[in-house]
Amino acid sequence: MRRVGVALSAAGMPHDLAWSPACRREGLAYEEADPARYSHVVFAGGPVHGWQIREVHRRFAHCSRIAVGVSVDDPDDETVAGFEEVLAGAHPGIATPDLAVGAPTDEVLVVGVILGPEPGPVRASVTKWLAGLDCGRVPLDPRLAASDWEHCATPDQFTSILSHLDVAVTTRPDGLVLGLRAGIPVLAVDPVDGGGAVTAQADALGWPALVPADEAREPEILDSWWRWCSSVQGRAVAALRALPVDDGTMRDMLKALKAGSAG
């Protein structure tokens, strides 16, 4: 549809882009488009069959109707015949490059989403907030499973994914730790009232982007930390947190092992 819009604008043809409800983030919804305002309808992309296409023909019966970049499974289908012109991208025995190949798009931040499995108000608040962000969301599960292709088999595979992200959002302590280990800013939300393991790790690592459970229901607080994590400052602080930390734990372990051996 964007490709069609660019072509119409270049040709000086006034037009509106009407979105289906499931896809619409902004702009005109298909149901809100007044058929009386238009002389032509261009149906862009998707298969030409089914009740949705029949509804287009019914609502815009007085308009000249053109289908472009669509797929046609049955050329004899009545929905295909309803268009004056069908410029198919996929047709039995014929295929042309999909129009989306040359469509304009904008780059947005890519965000790894690492949530705990437990349902609850904090998870519901975070997922609702995430749905409103203009970003590429990548659901991630840090649990390893060598026999399941949907999971990483090694820690190296998982941290390699994280290293290609811009930001992580997590309710898990391992999501916070591994995100910082990869050098990316992490918006950490503690799902435990009063603070749990996520808060403990944020304190231990000196990481500021922590939202307590009782504040996770406030979108403006999540927005504030999102802006910080997306900023140059947030990325710089995250890069510093990726450096190795010597807290003495390994020395204590070795000391305990040596003591045990001596005994």
Protein backbone atom coordinates (compact mmCIF):
# COMPACT_ATOMS: atom_id res chain seq x y z
CA MET A 1 0.00 0.00 0.00
CA ARG A 2 2.87 2.37 0.70
CA ARG A 3 4.31 1.67 -2.74
CA VAL A 4 0.94 2.55 -4.29
CA GLY A 5 0.73 5.71 -2.19
CA VAL A 6 4.16 6.88 -3.36
CA ALA A 7 3.20 6.32 -7.01
CA LEU A 8 -0.07 8.22 -6.62
CA SER A 9 1.66 11.13 -4.88
CA ALA A 10 4.31 11.30 -7.61
CA ALA A 11 1.53 11.41 -10.21
CA GLY A 12 -0.21 14.25 -8.34
CA MET A 13 -3.32 12.17 -7.61
CA PRO A 14 -5.02 12.99 -4.30
CA HIS A 15 -5.75 9.85 -2.29
CA ASP A 16 -6.27 8.35 1.15
CA LEU A 17 -4.68 5.20 2.51
CA ALA A 18 -7.28 3.18 4.39
CA TRP A 19 -6.05 0.51 6.81
CA SER A 20 -7.78 -2.64 8.00
CA PRO A 21 -8.54 -2.54 11.76
CA ALA A 22 -5.93 -5.17 12.66
CA CYS A 23 -3.12 -3.25 10.93
CA ARG A 24 -4.11 0.32 11.67
CA ARG A 25 -1.87 2.33 13.98
CA GLU A 26 -2.74 5.73 12.62
CA GLY A 27 -4.53 7.24 9.65
CA LEU A 28 -7.85 6.32 8.12
CA ALA A 29 -9.60 3.07 9.01
CA TYR A 30 -11.27 1.24 6.16
CA GLU A 31 -14.66 1.32 7.92
CA GLU A 32 -14.40 5.10 8.28
CA ALA A 33 -13.80 5.73 4.58
CA ASP A 34 -16.87 7.39 3.04
CA PRO A 35 -17.47 5.72 -0.36
CA ALA A 36 -19.15 8.88 -1.68
CA ARG A 37 -15.80 10.74 -1.53
CA TYR A 38 -14.04 8.49 -4.04
CA SER A 39 -14.16 7.80 -7.76
CA HIS A 40 -11.57 4.98 -7.73
CA VAL A 41 -10.48 2.25 -5.33
CA VAL A 42 -7.12 0.50 -5.45
CA PHE A 43 -6.95 -2.74 -3.47
CA ALA A 44 -3.27 -3.34 -2.67
CA GLY A 45 -1.81 -6.70 -1.72
CA GLY A 46 -3.29 -9.87 -0.33
CA PRO A 47 -5.36 -12.65 -1.88
CA VAL A 48 -8.35 -11.83 -4.07
CA HIS A 49 -11.07 -14.02 -2.59
CA GLY A 50 -13.44 -14.15 0.36
CA TRP A 51 -16.07 -11.99 1.98
CA GLN A 52 -13.71 -9.07 2.60
CA ILE A 53 -13.21 -8.53 -1.11
CA ARG A 54 -16.91 -8.93 -1.78
CA GLU A 55 -17.50 -6.20 0.81
CA VAL A 56 -15.11 -3.88 -1.04
CA HIS A 57 -17.10 -4.42 -4.24
CA ARG A 58 -20.37 -3.81 -2.40
CA ARG A 59 -19.34 -0.63 -0.56
CA PHE A 60 -17.58 0.94 -3.53
CA ALA A 61 -19.87 -0.36 -6.28
CA HIS A 62 -19.97 3.06 -7.99
CA CYS A 63 -16.14 3.34 -8.10
CA SER A 64 -13.68 2.05 -10.64
CA ARG A 65 -11.87 -0.74 -8.80
CA ILE A 66 -8.31 -1.92 -9.45
CA ALA A 67 -6.37 -4.67 -7.67
CA VAL A 68 -2.59 -4.38 -7.61
CA GLY A 69 0.13 -6.60 -6.20
CA VAL A 70 -2.43 -9.23 -5.24
CA SER A 71 -2.42 -13.02 -5.44
CA VAL A 72 -5.02 -14.78 -7.58
CA ASP A 73 -5.71 -18.43 -6.85
CA ASP A 74 -8.82 -18.76 -9.03
CA PRO A 75 -9.09 -16.37 -11.99
CA ASP A 76 -12.76 -17.32 -12.38
CA ASP A 77 -13.71 -16.31 -8.83
CA GLU A 78 -16.42 -13.64 -8.75
CA THR A 79 -14.25 -11.44 -6.52
CA VAL A 80 -11.61 -11.28 -9.27
CA ALA A 81 -14.20 -10.42 -11.91
CA GLY A 82 -15.40 -7.51 -9.77
CA PHE A 83 -12.22 -5.54 -10.54
CA GLU A 84 -11.86 -3.63 -13.78
CA GLU A 85 -8.14 -4.37 -13.73
CA VAL A 86 -6.15 -6.99 -11.79
CA LEU A 87 -2.41 -6.42 -11.74
CA ALA A 88 -1.45 -9.57 -9.90
CA GLY A 89 1.86 -10.24 -8.25
CA ALA A 90 1.06 -13.94 -8.06
CA HIS A 91 -1.15 -15.63 -10.65
CA PRO A 92 -1.36 -19.28 -11.73
CA GLY A 93 1.75 -19.81 -13.85
CA ILE A 94 2.88 -16.16 -13.50
CA ALA A 95 4.85 -14.33 -10.83
CA THR A 96 6.22 -10.79 -10.73
CA PRO A 97 8.38 -9.17 -8.01
CA ASP A 98 6.27 -8.26 -5.00
CA LEU A 99 5.65 -4.52 -4.71
CA ALA A 100 6.84 -4.60 -1.09
CA VAL A 101 10.42 -5.04 -2.40
CA GLY A 102 10.53 -1.37 -3.38
CA ALA A 103 8.27 0.02 -0.65
CA PRO A 104 9.59 2.80 1.60
CA THR A 105 10.07 1.89 5.27
CA ASP A 106 11.59 3.59 8.29
CA GLU A 107 14.05 1.94 10.67
CA VAL A 108 12.94 1.71 14.29
CA LEU A 109 14.61 0.36 17.40
CA VAL A 110 14.73 -3.42 17.74
CA VAL A 111 13.75 -4.55 21.22
CA GLY A 112 14.25 -7.94 22.84
CA VAL A 113 11.35 -8.80 25.14
CA ILE A 114 12.31 -11.26 27.89
CA LEU A 115 9.37 -11.89 30.19
CA GLY A 116 8.80 -14.40 32.94
CA PRO A 117 6.25 -17.15 32.28
CA GLU A 118 3.99 -16.24 35.17
CA PRO A 119 0.86 -14.24 34.27
CA GLY A 120 -0.05 -11.32 36.46
CA PRO A 121 -0.79 -7.59 36.56
CA VAL A 122 2.83 -6.55 35.99
CA ARG A 123 3.21 -8.71 32.89
CA ALA A 124 -0.18 -7.49 31.59
CA SER A 125 0.84 -3.85 32.10
CA VAL A 126 4.19 -4.31 30.39
CA THR A 127 2.78 -6.15 27.36
CA LYS A 128 0.01 -3.58 26.93
CA TRP A 129 2.58 -0.80 27.06
CA LEU A 130 4.86 -2.62 24.60
CA ALA A 131 2.03 -2.93 22.09
CA GLY A 132 1.89 0.85 21.84
CA LEU A 133 5.62 1.35 21.19
CA ASP A 134 6.90 2.10 17.71
CA CYS A 135 9.62 -0.54 17.71
CA GLY A 136 10.46 -3.98 16.38
CA ARG A 137 9.65 -6.44 19.17
CA VAL A 138 11.50 -9.77 19.38
CA PRO A 139 10.13 -12.18 22.02
CA LEU A 140 13.02 -14.09 23.62
CA ASP A 141 13.21 -16.99 26.06
CA PRO A 142 16.58 -17.45 27.82
CA ARG A 143 15.87 -21.10 28.65
CA LEU A 144 18.17 -23.37 26.66
CA ALA A 145 16.93 -26.44 24.81
CA ALA A 146 19.30 -28.28 22.50
CA SER A 147 16.52 -30.26 20.79
CA ASP A 148 14.07 -27.38 20.24
CA TRP A 149 14.80 -25.08 17.30
CA GLU A 150 12.71 -22.30 18.85
CA HIS A 151 15.16 -22.04 21.75
CA CYS A 152 18.86 -21.40 21.78
CA ALA A 153 21.02 -24.45 22.48
CA THR A 154 23.95 -22.56 24.02
CA PRO A 155 24.48 -19.34 26.01
CA ASP A 156 26.62 -18.07 23.14
CA GLN A 157 23.68 -18.30 20.74
CA PHE A 158 21.44 -16.33 23.09
CA THR A 159 23.96 -13.58 23.86
CA SER A 160 24.71 -13.28 20.15
CA ILE A 161 21.05 -12.46 19.54
CA LEU A 162 21.10 -9.88 22.32
CA SER A 163 24.19 -8.19 20.89
CA HIS A 164 22.23 -7.30 17.72
CA LEU A 165 19.40 -5.58 19.61
CA ASP A 166 19.07 -1.92 20.52
CA VAL A 167 17.24 -2.33 23.84
CA ALA A 168 15.85 -5.12 26.00
CA VAL A 169 12.72 -5.08 28.16
CA THR A 170 12.56 -7.75 30.84
CA THR A 171 10.89 -8.93 34.01
CA ARG A 172 13.56 -11.59 34.58
CA PRO A 173 16.88 -11.26 36.41
CA ASP A 174 18.68 -13.26 33.71
CA GLY A 175 17.21 -10.93 31.07
CA LEU A 176 18.72 -7.96 32.91
CA VAL A 177 22.10 -9.58 33.49
CA LEU A 178 22.54 -11.03 30.00
CA GLY A 179 21.27 -7.86 28.33
CA LEU A 180 23.86 -5.77 30.15
CA ARG A 181 26.44 -8.48 29.46
CA ALA A 182 25.70 -7.90 25.74
CA GLY A 183 26.19 -4.15 26.22
CA ILE A 184 22.61 -3.05 25.48
CA PRO A 185 20.37 -0.91 27.71
CA VAL A 186 17.77 -2.92 29.61
CA LEU A 187 14.47 -1.60 30.90
CA ALA A 188 13.99 -3.93 33.87
CA VAL A 189 10.61 -4.33 35.57
CA ASP A 190 10.49 -6.23 38.86
CA PRO A 191 7.29 -8.28 39.01
CA VAL A 192 7.66 -8.88 42.77
CA ASP A 193 6.00 -6.45 45.16
CA GLY A 194 8.63 -4.95 47.42
CA GLY A 195 11.44 -6.06 45.11
CA GLY A 196 12.82 -9.46 44.16
CA ALA A 197 15.72 -10.86 42.18
CA VAL A 198 15.44 -8.24 39.42
CA THR A 199 15.85 -5.42 41.94
CA ALA A 200 18.71 -7.24 43.65
CA GLN A 201 20.64 -7.58 40.40
CA ALA A 202 19.94 -3.98 39.36
CA ASP A 203 21.33 -2.83 42.71
CA ALA A 204 24.35 -5.13 42.49
CA LEU A 205 25.19 -3.93 38.98
CA GLY A 206 24.37 -0.27 39.65
CA TRP A 207 21.78 -0.24 36.87
CA PRO A 208 19.29 2.64 37.14
CA ALA A 209 16.58 1.64 34.63
CA LEU A 210 14.50 -0.34 37.13
CA VAL A 211 10.73 -0.07 37.52
CA PRO A 212 9.23 -1.50 40.75
CA ALA A 213 6.11 -3.65 40.51
CA ASP A 214 3.85 -0.95 41.95
CA GLU A 215 5.00 1.54 39.26
CA ALA A 216 4.69 -0.85 36.29
CA ARG A 217 1.05 0.16 35.88
CA GLU A 218 2.10 3.75 35.12
CA PRO A 219 2.83 4.08 31.37
CA GLU A 220 4.50 7.44 31.84
CA ILE A 221 7.14 5.84 34.09
CA LEU A 222 7.83 3.12 31.54
CA ASP A 223 7.95 5.79 28.82
CA SER A 224 10.50 7.81 30.80
CA TRP A 225 12.88 4.89 31.22
CA TRP A 226 12.29 3.85 27.61
CA ARG A 227 13.49 7.26 26.45
CA TRP A 228 16.54 6.97 28.68
CA CYS A 229 17.40 3.46 27.46
CA SER A 230 17.02 4.69 23.87
CA SER A 231 19.30 7.66 24.44
CA VAL A 232 23.03 8.04 23.91
CA GLN A 233 23.46 8.22 27.68
CA GLY A 234 21.61 4.95 28.22
CA ARG A 235 23.72 3.17 25.63
CA ALA A 236 26.93 4.57 27.11
CA VAL A 237 26.04 3.45 30.65
CA ALA A 238 25.08 0.00 29.34
CA ALA A 239 28.42 -0.33 27.55
CA LEU A 240 30.22 0.31 30.84
CA ARG A 241 28.11 -2.31 32.62
CA ALA A 242 29.23 -4.88 30.04
CA LEU A 243 32.75 -4.79 31.47
CA PRO A 244 33.77 -7.74 33.69
CA VAL A 245 32.99 -7.31 37.39
CA ASP A 246 35.36 -8.63 40.04
CA ASP A 247 33.28 -8.92 43.20
CA GLY A 248 35.48 -11.50 44.87
CA THR A 249 33.07 -14.39 44.35
CA MET A 250 35.53 -16.44 42.31
CA ARG A 251 38.26 -15.87 44.90
CA ASP A 252 35.89 -17.01 47.64
CA MET A 253 35.00 -20.11 45.64
CA LEU A 254 38.63 -21.03 45.07
CA LYS A 255 39.39 -20.38 48.73
CA ALA A 256 36.56 -22.70 49.74
CA LEU A 257 37.77 -25.40 47.36
CA LYS A 258 41.31 -25.18 48.65
CA ALA A 259 40.06 -25.32 52.23
CA GLY A 260 37.99 -28.39 51.40
CA SER A 261 40.99 -30.08 49.75
CA ALA A 262 43.19 -29.34 52.74
CA GLY A 263 40.61 -30.87 55.04
